[in-house]
Amino acid sequence: MLDRKLNAVRIFNSDGVQMRMFGARGSGSEGFDKPGGIAVDRQVNMYVADTGNQMFKKFDLQGRLLESAGSRENGTGEFCETCGIAVN
């Protein structure tokens, strides 16, 4: 679950108990600025659309950043207002 107020991702178990939380307000690949969407792949990697930082970020289940893409620019390979994400 995304917590836009805290700029964080919260992970819950099937009973609704919070297991982990990661993230904080920040720029670039180190933090979130209004995360707007989240998706999970078959390997349980999480993909977050970081709206304010105009990036997409990939994390493992422990909250470690695996990859990121994008920046606050308008050129090739850059994003503007990333608000959602889906994986197959």
PDB file of N, CA and C in Angstrom:
ATOM      1  N   MET A   1       0.840  -1.170   0.000  1.00  0.00           N
ATOM      2  CA  MET A   1       0.000   0.000   0.000  1.00  0.00           C
ATOM      3  C   MET A   1       0.886   1.235   0.000  1.00  0.00           C
ATOM      4  N   LEU A   2       0.485   2.239  -0.735  1.00  0.00           N
ATOM      5  CA  LEU A   2       1.204   3.508  -0.737  1.00  0.00           C
ATOM      6  C   LEU A   2       0.639   4.410   0.347  1.00  0.00           C
ATOM      7  N   ASP A   3       1.509   5.081   1.053  1.00  0.00           N
ATOM      8  CA  ASP A   3       1.110   6.068   2.050  1.00  0.00           C
ATOM      9  C   ASP A   3       1.605   7.413   1.552  1.00  0.00           C
ATOM     10  N   ARG A   4       0.733   8.140   0.866  1.00  0.00           N
ATOM     11  CA  ARG A   4       1.146   9.411   0.243  1.00  0.00           C
ATOM     12  C   ARG A   4       1.480  10.464   1.282  1.00  0.00           C
ATOM     13  N   LYS A   5       0.868  10.397   2.443  1.00  0.00           N
ATOM     14  CA  LYS A   5       1.146  11.375   3.495  1.00  0.00           C
ATOM     15  C   LYS A   5       2.580  11.230   3.999  1.00  0.00           C
ATOM     16  N   LEU A   6       3.035   9.991   4.178  1.00  0.00           N
ATOM     17  CA  LEU A   6       4.392   9.721   4.662  1.00  0.00           C
ATOM     18  C   LEU A   6       5.393   9.521   3.529  1.00  0.00           C
ATOM     19  N   ASN A   7       4.911   9.498   2.270  1.00  0.00           N
ATOM     20  CA  ASN A   7       5.780   9.203   1.126  1.00  0.00           C
ATOM     21  C   ASN A   7       6.485   7.871   1.340  1.00  0.00           C
ATOM     22  N   ALA A   8       5.694   6.849   1.616  1.00  0.00           N
ATOM     23  CA  ALA A   8       6.253   5.539   1.966  1.00  0.00           C
ATOM     24  C   ALA A   8       5.409   4.423   1.361  1.00  0.00           C
ATOM     25  N   VAL A   9       5.992   3.220   1.365  1.00  0.00           N
ATOM     26  CA  VAL A   9       5.304   1.994   0.978  1.00  0.00           C
ATOM     27  C   VAL A   9       5.143   1.161   2.242  1.00  0.00           C
ATOM     28  N   ARG A  10       3.936   0.683   2.479  1.00  0.00           N
ATOM     29  CA  ARG A  10       3.669  -0.203   3.617  1.00  0.00           C
ATOM     30  C   ARG A  10       3.330  -1.588   3.087  1.00  0.00           C
ATOM     31  N   ILE A  11       3.900  -2.614   3.697  1.00  0.00           N
ATOM     32  CA  ILE A  11       3.659  -3.997   3.289  1.00  0.00           C
ATOM     33  C   ILE A  11       2.926  -4.703   4.425  1.00  0.00           C
ATOM     34  N   PHE A  12       1.780  -5.321   4.079  1.00  0.00           N
ATOM     35  CA  PHE A  12       0.947  -6.009   5.050  1.00  0.00           C
ATOM     36  C   PHE A  12       0.888  -7.505   4.736  1.00  0.00           C
ATOM     37  N   ASN A  13       0.679  -8.327   5.758  1.00  0.00           N
ATOM     38  CA  ASN A  13       0.463  -9.756   5.508  1.00  0.00           C
ATOM     39  C   ASN A  13      -1.017  -9.984   5.212  1.00  0.00           C
ATOM     40  N   SER A  14      -1.399 -11.225   4.972  1.00  0.00           N
ATOM     41  CA  SER A  14      -2.777 -11.526   4.584  1.00  0.00           C
ATOM     42  C   SER A  14      -3.778 -11.263   5.706  1.00  0.00           C
ATOM     43  N   ASP A  15      -3.313 -11.127   6.943  1.00  0.00           N
ATOM     44  CA  ASP A  15      -4.185 -10.801   8.073  1.00  0.00           C
ATOM     45  C   ASP A  15      -4.325  -9.298   8.282  1.00  0.00           C
ATOM     46  N   GLY A  16      -3.671  -8.498   7.445  1.00  0.00           N
ATOM     47  CA  GLY A  16      -3.754  -7.063   7.560  1.00  0.00           C
ATOM     48  C   GLY A  16      -2.780  -6.450   8.547  1.00  0.00           C
ATOM     49  N   VAL A  17      -1.822  -7.235   9.015  1.00  0.00           N
ATOM     50  CA  VAL A  17      -0.813  -6.735   9.944  1.00  0.00           C
ATOM     51  C   VAL A  17       0.362  -6.160   9.150  1.00  0.00           C
ATOM     52  N   GLN A  18       0.769  -4.938   9.485  1.00  0.00           N
ATOM     53  CA  GLN A  18       1.895  -4.334   8.782  1.00  0.00           C
ATOM     54  C   GLN A  18       3.183  -5.076   9.106  1.00  0.00           C
ATOM     55  N   MET A  19       3.878  -5.516   8.066  1.00  0.00           N
ATOM     56  CA  MET A  19       5.135  -6.240   8.219  1.00  0.00           C
ATOM     57  C   MET A  19       6.336  -5.321   8.063  1.00  0.00           C
ATOM     58  N   ARG A  20       6.203  -4.322   7.205  1.00  0.00           N
ATOM     59  CA  ARG A  20       7.358  -3.490   6.863  1.00  0.00           C
ATOM     60  C   ARG A  20       6.869  -2.170   6.271  1.00  0.00           C
ATOM     61  N   MET A  21       7.689  -1.147   6.425  1.00  0.00           N
ATOM     62  CA  MET A  21       7.434   0.130   5.785  1.00  0.00           C
ATOM     63  C   MET A  21       8.773   0.685   5.344  1.00  0.00           C
ATOM     64  N   PHE A  22       8.823   1.242   4.145  1.00  0.00           N
ATOM     65  CA  PHE A  22      10.058   1.866   3.687  1.00  0.00           C
ATOM     66  C   PHE A  22       9.740   3.097   2.869  1.00  0.00           C
ATOM     67  N   GLY A  23      10.718   3.972   2.809  1.00  0.00           N
ATOM     68  CA  GLY A  23      10.573   5.212   2.059  1.00  0.00           C
ATOM     69  C   GLY A  23      10.459   6.409   2.980  1.00  0.00           C
ATOM     70  N   ALA A  24      10.671   7.556   2.417  1.00  0.00           N
ATOM     71  CA  ALA A  24      10.552   8.830   3.112  1.00  0.00           C
ATOM     72  C   ALA A  24      10.516   9.913   2.044  1.00  0.00           C
ATOM     73  N   ARG A  25      10.126  11.104   2.441  1.00  0.00           N
ATOM     74  CA  ARG A  25      10.107  12.197   1.476  1.00  0.00           C
ATOM     75  C   ARG A  25      11.529  12.480   1.022  1.00  0.00           C
ATOM     76  N   GLY A  26      11.710  12.547  -0.275  1.00  0.00           N
ATOM     77  CA  GLY A  26      13.028  12.821  -0.819  1.00  0.00           C
ATOM     78  C   GLY A  26      12.995  12.863  -2.326  1.00  0.00           C
ATOM     79  N   SER A  27      14.111  13.175  -2.908  1.00  0.00           N
ATOM     80  CA  SER A  27      14.190  13.283  -4.364  1.00  0.00           C
ATOM     81  C   SER A  27      15.068  12.186  -4.921  1.00  0.00           C
ATOM     82  N   GLY A  28      15.041  12.059  -6.234  1.00  0.00           N
ATOM     83  CA  GLY A  28      15.862  11.062  -6.910  1.00  0.00           C
ATOM     84  C   GLY A  28      15.499   9.654  -6.491  1.00  0.00           C
ATOM     85  N   SER A  29      16.463   8.760  -6.543  1.00  0.00           N
ATOM     86  CA  SER A  29      16.195   7.358  -6.229  1.00  0.00           C
ATOM     87  C   SER A  29      16.166   7.081  -4.731  1.00  0.00           C
ATOM     88  N   GLU A  30      16.518   8.058  -3.897  1.00  0.00           N
ATOM     89  CA  GLU A  30      16.599   7.840  -2.457  1.00  0.00           C
ATOM     90  C   GLU A  30      15.286   8.023  -1.708  1.00  0.00           C
ATOM     91  N   GLY A  31      14.310   8.687  -2.280  1.00  0.00           N
ATOM     92  CA  GLY A  31      13.064   8.924  -1.566  1.00  0.00           C
ATOM     93  C   GLY A  31      11.889   8.988  -2.503  1.00  0.00           C
ATOM     94  N   PHE A  32      10.730   9.328  -1.954  1.00  0.00           N
ATOM     95  CA  PHE A  32       9.506   9.466  -2.732  1.00  0.00           C
ATOM     96  C   PHE A  32       8.978  10.888  -2.605  1.00  0.00           C
ATOM     97  N   ASP A  33       8.285  11.310  -3.626  1.00  0.00           N
ATOM     98  CA  ASP A  33       7.550  12.569  -3.600  1.00  0.00           C
ATOM     99  C   ASP A  33       6.187  12.284  -4.219  1.00  0.00           C
ATOM    100  N   LYS A  34       5.195  12.071  -3.379  1.00  0.00           N
ATOM    101  CA  LYS A  34       3.830  11.740  -3.797  1.00  0.00           C
ATOM    102  C   LYS A  34       3.773  10.472  -4.662  1.00  0.00           C
ATOM    103  N   PRO A  35       4.145   9.313  -4.104  1.00  0.00           N
ATOM    104  CA  PRO A  35       4.034   8.081  -4.898  1.00  0.00           C
ATOM    105  C   PRO A  35       2.592   7.885  -5.350  1.00  0.00           C
ATOM    106  N   GLY A  36       2.421   7.563  -6.646  1.00  0.00           N
ATOM    107  CA  GLY A  36       1.086   7.551  -7.208  1.00  0.00           C
ATOM    108  C   GLY A  36       0.551   6.205  -7.646  1.00  0.00           C
ATOM    109  N   GLY A  37       1.356   5.184  -7.699  1.00  0.00           N
ATOM    110  CA  GLY A  37       0.886   3.876  -8.126  1.00  0.00           C
ATOM    111  C   GLY A  37       1.878   2.812  -7.739  1.00  0.00           C
ATOM    112  N   ILE A  38       1.377   1.595  -7.561  1.00  0.00           N
ATOM    113  CA  ILE A  38       2.251   0.474  -7.197  1.00  0.00           C
ATOM    114  C   ILE A  38       1.744  -0.785  -7.892  1.00  0.00           C
ATOM    115  N   ALA A  39       2.671  -1.645  -8.286  1.00  0.00           N
ATOM    116  CA  ALA A  39       2.343  -2.933  -8.893  1.00  0.00           C
ATOM    117  C   ALA A  39       3.369  -3.946  -8.394  1.00  0.00           C
ATOM    118  N   VAL A  40       2.988  -5.222  -8.409  1.00  0.00           N
ATOM    119  CA  VAL A  40       3.865  -6.299  -7.952  1.00  0.00           C
ATOM    120  C   VAL A  40       3.946  -7.356  -9.042  1.00  0.00           C
ATOM    121  N   ASP A  41       5.165  -7.812  -9.346  1.00  0.00           N
ATOM    122  CA  ASP A  41       5.318  -8.843 -10.372  1.00  0.00           C
ATOM    123  C   ASP A  41       5.307 -10.244  -9.748  1.00  0.00           C
ATOM    124  N   ARG A  42       5.462 -11.249 -10.557  1.00  0.00           N
ATOM    125  CA  ARG A  42       5.406 -12.645 -10.098  1.00  0.00           C
ATOM    126  C   ARG A  42       6.540 -13.006  -9.154  1.00  0.00           C
ATOM    127  N   GLN A  43       7.652 -12.287  -9.226  1.00  0.00           N
ATOM    128  CA  GLN A  43       8.788 -12.536  -8.333  1.00  0.00           C
ATOM    129  C   GLN A  43       8.674 -11.698  -7.053  1.00  0.00           C
ATOM    130  N   VAL A  44       7.554 -11.037  -6.856  1.00  0.00           N
ATOM    131  CA  VAL A  44       7.245 -10.188  -5.709  1.00  0.00           C
ATOM    132  C   VAL A  44       8.156  -8.961  -5.641  1.00  0.00           C
ATOM    133  N   ASN A  45       8.570  -8.464  -6.801  1.00  0.00           N
ATOM    134  CA  ASN A  45       9.234  -7.162  -6.869  1.00  0.00           C
ATOM    135  C   ASN A  45       8.140  -6.113  -6.962  1.00  0.00           C
ATOM    136  N   MET A  46       8.361  -4.976  -6.334  1.00  0.00           N
ATOM    137  CA  MET A  46       7.384  -3.897  -6.342  1.00  0.00           C
ATOM    138  C   MET A  46       7.861  -2.781  -7.250  1.00  0.00           C
ATOM    139  N   TYR A  47       6.936  -2.244  -8.022  1.00  0.00           N
ATOM    140  CA  TYR A  47       7.204  -1.137  -8.933  1.00  0.00           C
ATOM    141  C   TYR A  47       6.372   0.048  -8.458  1.00  0.00           C
ATOM    142  N   VAL A  48       7.021   1.179  -8.235  1.00  0.00           N
ATOM    143  CA  VAL A  48       6.329   2.350  -7.718  1.00  0.00           C
ATOM    144  C   VAL A  48       6.449   3.497  -8.721  1.00  0.00           C
ATOM    145  N   ALA A  49       5.313   4.105  -9.037  1.00  0.00           N
ATOM    146  CA  ALA A  49       5.305   5.334  -9.834  1.00  0.00           C
ATOM    147  C   ALA A  49       5.458   6.489  -8.850  1.00  0.00           C
ATOM    148  N   ASP A  50       6.609   7.126  -8.880  1.00  0.00           N
ATOM    149  CA  ASP A  50       6.940   8.218  -7.965  1.00  0.00           C
ATOM    150  C   ASP A  50       6.591   9.532  -8.661  1.00  0.00           C
ATOM    151  N   THR A  51       5.359   9.985  -8.467  1.00  0.00           N
ATOM    152  CA  THR A  51       4.788  11.093  -9.229  1.00  0.00           C
ATOM    153  C   THR A  51       5.617  12.366  -9.135  1.00  0.00           C
ATOM    154  N   GLY A  52       5.924  12.819  -7.925  1.00  0.00           N
ATOM    155  CA  GLY A  52       6.630  14.077  -7.744  1.00  0.00           C
ATOM    156  C   GLY A  52       8.051  14.067  -8.268  1.00  0.00           C
ATOM    157  N   ASN A  53       8.713  12.916  -8.183  1.00  0.00           N
ATOM    158  CA  ASN A  53      10.075  12.788  -8.715  1.00  0.00           C
ATOM    159  C   ASN A  53      10.087  12.374 -10.177  1.00  0.00           C
ATOM    160  N   GLN A  54       8.901  12.086 -10.731  1.00  0.00           N
ATOM    161  CA  GLN A  54       8.753  11.715 -12.142  1.00  0.00           C
ATOM    162  C   GLN A  54       9.652  10.537 -12.508  1.00  0.00           C
ATOM    163  N   MET A  55       9.566   9.499 -11.670  1.00  0.00           N
ATOM    164  CA  MET A  55      10.388   8.303 -11.842  1.00  0.00           C
ATOM    165  C   MET A  55       9.543   7.055 -11.623  1.00  0.00           C
ATOM    166  N   PHE A  56      10.046   5.942 -12.122  1.00  0.00           N
ATOM    167  CA  PHE A  56       9.547   4.620 -11.774  1.00  0.00           C
ATOM    168  C   PHE A  56      10.666   3.929 -11.021  1.00  0.00           C
ATOM    169  N   LYS A  57      10.313   3.213  -9.937  1.00  0.00           N
ATOM    170  CA  LYS A  57      11.323   2.556  -9.111  1.00  0.00           C
ATOM    171  C   LYS A  57      10.914   1.115  -8.864  1.00  0.00           C
ATOM    172  N   LYS A  58      11.914   0.224  -8.863  1.00  0.00           N
ATOM    173  CA  LYS A  58      11.687  -1.192  -8.627  1.00  0.00           C
ATOM    174  C   LYS A  58      12.380  -1.582  -7.323  1.00  0.00           C
ATOM    175  N   PHE A  59      11.632  -2.259  -6.426  1.00  0.00           N
ATOM    176  CA  PHE A  59      12.141  -2.668  -5.124  1.00  0.00           C
ATOM    177  C   PHE A  59      11.932  -4.154  -4.909  1.00  0.00           C
ATOM    178  N   ASP A  60      12.781  -4.759  -4.073  1.00  0.00           N
ATOM    179  CA  ASP A  60      12.514  -6.126  -3.649  1.00  0.00           C
ATOM    180  C   ASP A  60      11.582  -6.074  -2.436  1.00  0.00           C
ATOM    181  N   LEU A  61      11.201  -7.223  -1.914  1.00  0.00           N
ATOM    182  CA  LEU A  61      10.241  -7.302  -0.815  1.00  0.00           C
ATOM    183  C   LEU A  61      10.778  -6.671   0.470  1.00  0.00           C
ATOM    184  N   GLN A  62      12.087  -6.569   0.606  1.00  0.00           N
ATOM    185  CA  GLN A  62      12.683  -5.939   1.786  1.00  0.00           C
ATOM    186  C   GLN A  62      12.764  -4.412   1.647  1.00  0.00           C
ATOM    187  N   GLY A  63      12.385  -3.895   0.498  1.00  0.00           N
ATOM    188  CA  GLY A  63      12.407  -2.460   0.283  1.00  0.00           C
ATOM    189  C   GLY A  63      13.714  -1.929  -0.276  1.00  0.00           C
ATOM    190  N   ARG A  64      14.567  -2.828  -0.753  1.00  0.00           N
ATOM    191  CA  ARG A  64      15.832  -2.393  -1.368  1.00  0.00           C
ATOM    192  C   ARG A  64      15.574  -1.971  -2.811  1.00  0.00           C
ATOM    193  N   LEU A  65      16.092  -0.802  -3.174  1.00  0.00           N
ATOM    194  CA  LEU A  65      15.954  -0.307  -4.538  1.00  0.00           C
ATOM    195  C   LEU A  65      16.765  -1.184  -5.481  1.00  0.00           C
ATOM    196  N   LEU A  66      16.119  -1.711  -6.516  1.00  0.00           N
ATOM    197  CA  LEU A  66      16.788  -2.547  -7.516  1.00  0.00           C
ATOM    198  C   LEU A  66      17.094  -1.757  -8.789  1.00  0.00           C
ATOM    199  N   GLU A  67      16.159  -0.923  -9.209  1.00  0.00           N
ATOM    200  CA  GLU A  67      16.325  -0.124 -10.429  1.00  0.00           C
ATOM    201  C   GLU A  67      15.459   1.121 -10.334  1.00  0.00           C
ATOM    202  N   SER A  68      15.837   2.134 -11.093  1.00  0.00           N
ATOM    203  CA  SER A  68      14.990   3.312 -11.220  1.00  0.00           C
ATOM    204  C   SER A  68      15.162   3.882 -12.621  1.00  0.00           C
ATOM    205  N   ALA A  69      14.146   4.594 -13.069  1.00  0.00           N
ATOM    206  CA  ALA A  69      14.199   5.216 -14.391  1.00  0.00           C
ATOM    207  C   ALA A  69      13.407   6.502 -14.357  1.00  0.00           C
ATOM    208  N   GLY A  70      13.934   7.523 -15.024  1.00  0.00           N
ATOM    209  CA  GLY A  70      13.241   8.785 -15.152  1.00  0.00           C
ATOM    210  C   GLY A  70      13.927   9.904 -14.401  1.00  0.00           C
ATOM    211  N   SER A  71      13.414  11.101 -14.600  1.00  0.00           N
ATOM    212  CA  SER A  71      13.917  12.295 -13.925  1.00  0.00           C
ATOM    213  C   SER A  71      12.903  13.409 -14.115  1.00  0.00           C
ATOM    214  N   ARG A  72      13.181  14.565 -13.564  1.00  0.00           N
ATOM    215  CA  ARG A  72      12.271  15.707 -13.646  1.00  0.00           C
ATOM    216  C   ARG A  72      12.483  16.515 -14.925  1.00  0.00           C
ATOM    217  N   GLU A  73      12.709  15.891 -16.015  1.00  0.00           N
ATOM    218  CA  GLU A  73      12.959  16.586 -17.281  1.00  0.00           C
ATOM    219  C   GLU A  73      11.910  16.169 -18.304  1.00  0.00           C
ATOM    220  N   ASN A  74      12.029  16.670 -19.514  1.00  0.00           N
ATOM    221  CA  ASN A  74      11.054  16.371 -20.561  1.00  0.00           C
ATOM    222  C   ASN A  74      11.694  15.786 -21.814  1.00  0.00           C
ATOM    223  N   GLY A  75      12.866  15.194 -21.702  1.00  0.00           N
ATOM    224  CA  GLY A  75      13.552  14.647 -22.855  1.00  0.00           C
ATOM    225  C   GLY A  75      13.227  13.176 -23.086  1.00  0.00           C
ATOM    226  N   THR A  76      13.920  12.575 -24.020  1.00  0.00           N
ATOM    227  CA  THR A  76      13.745  11.166 -24.345  1.00  0.00           C
ATOM    228  C   THR A  76      14.065  10.299 -23.131  1.00  0.00           C
ATOM    229  N   GLY A  77      13.193   9.352 -22.824  1.00  0.00           N
ATOM    230  CA  GLY A  77      13.397   8.451 -21.693  1.00  0.00           C
ATOM    231  C   GLY A  77      13.091   9.080 -20.350  1.00  0.00           C
ATOM    232  N   GLU A  78      12.485  10.251 -20.357  1.00  0.00           N
ATOM    233  CA  GLU A  78      12.121  10.925 -19.117  1.00  0.00           C
ATOM    234  C   GLU A  78      10.601  10.985 -19.025  1.00  0.00           C
ATOM    235  N   PHE A  79      10.093  11.167 -17.829  1.00  0.00           N
ATOM    236  CA  PHE A  79       8.655  11.079 -17.608  1.00  0.00           C
ATOM    237  C   PHE A  79       8.127  12.367 -17.001  1.00  0.00           C
ATOM    238  N   CYS A  80       6.814  12.567 -17.134  1.00  0.00           N
ATOM    239  CA  CYS A  80       6.155  13.732 -16.561  1.00  0.00           C
ATOM    240  C   CYS A  80       4.905  13.264 -15.819  1.00  0.00           C
ATOM    241  N   GLU A  81       4.851  13.501 -14.522  1.00  0.00           N
ATOM    242  CA  GLU A  81       3.693  13.147 -13.691  1.00  0.00           C
ATOM    243  C   GLU A  81       3.354  11.660 -13.768  1.00  0.00           C
ATOM    244  N   THR A  82       4.297  10.811 -13.439  1.00  0.00           N
ATOM    245  CA  THR A  82       4.054   9.364 -13.398  1.00  0.00           C
ATOM    246  C   THR A  82       3.009   9.093 -12.322  1.00  0.00           C
ATOM    247  N   CYS A  83       1.862   8.554 -12.697  1.00  0.00           N
ATOM    248  CA  CYS A  83       0.786   8.395 -11.714  1.00  0.00           C
ATOM    249  C   CYS A  83       0.282   6.968 -11.590  1.00  0.00           C
ATOM    250  N   GLY A  84       0.736   6.063 -12.403  1.00  0.00           N
ATOM    251  CA  GLY A  84       0.275   4.692 -12.315  1.00  0.00           C
ATOM    252  C   GLY A  84       1.261   3.769 -12.989  1.00  0.00           C
ATOM    253  N   ILE A  85       1.137   2.480 -12.671  1.00  0.00           N
ATOM    254  CA  ILE A  85       2.025   1.485 -13.256  1.00  0.00           C
ATOM    255  C   ILE A  85       1.329   0.126 -13.215  1.00  0.00           C
ATOM    256  N   ALA A  86       1.627  -0.711 -14.180  1.00  0.00           N
ATOM    257  CA  ALA A  86       1.102  -2.078 -14.234  1.00  0.00           C
ATOM    258  C   ALA A  86       2.202  -2.987 -14.748  1.00  0.00           C
ATOM    259  N   VAL A  87       2.221  -4.217 -14.269  1.00  0.00           N
ATOM    260  CA  VAL A  87       3.181  -5.214 -14.766  1.00  0.00           C
ATOM    261  C   VAL A  87       2.410  -6.460 -15.167  1.00  0.00           C
ATOM    262  N   ASN A  88       3.023  -7.244 -16.035  1.00  0.00           N
ATOM    263  CA  ASN A  88       2.394  -8.461 -16.522  1.00  0.00           C
ATOM    264  C   ASN A  88       3.103  -9.653 -15.955  1.00  0.00           C
TER     265      ASN A  88
END
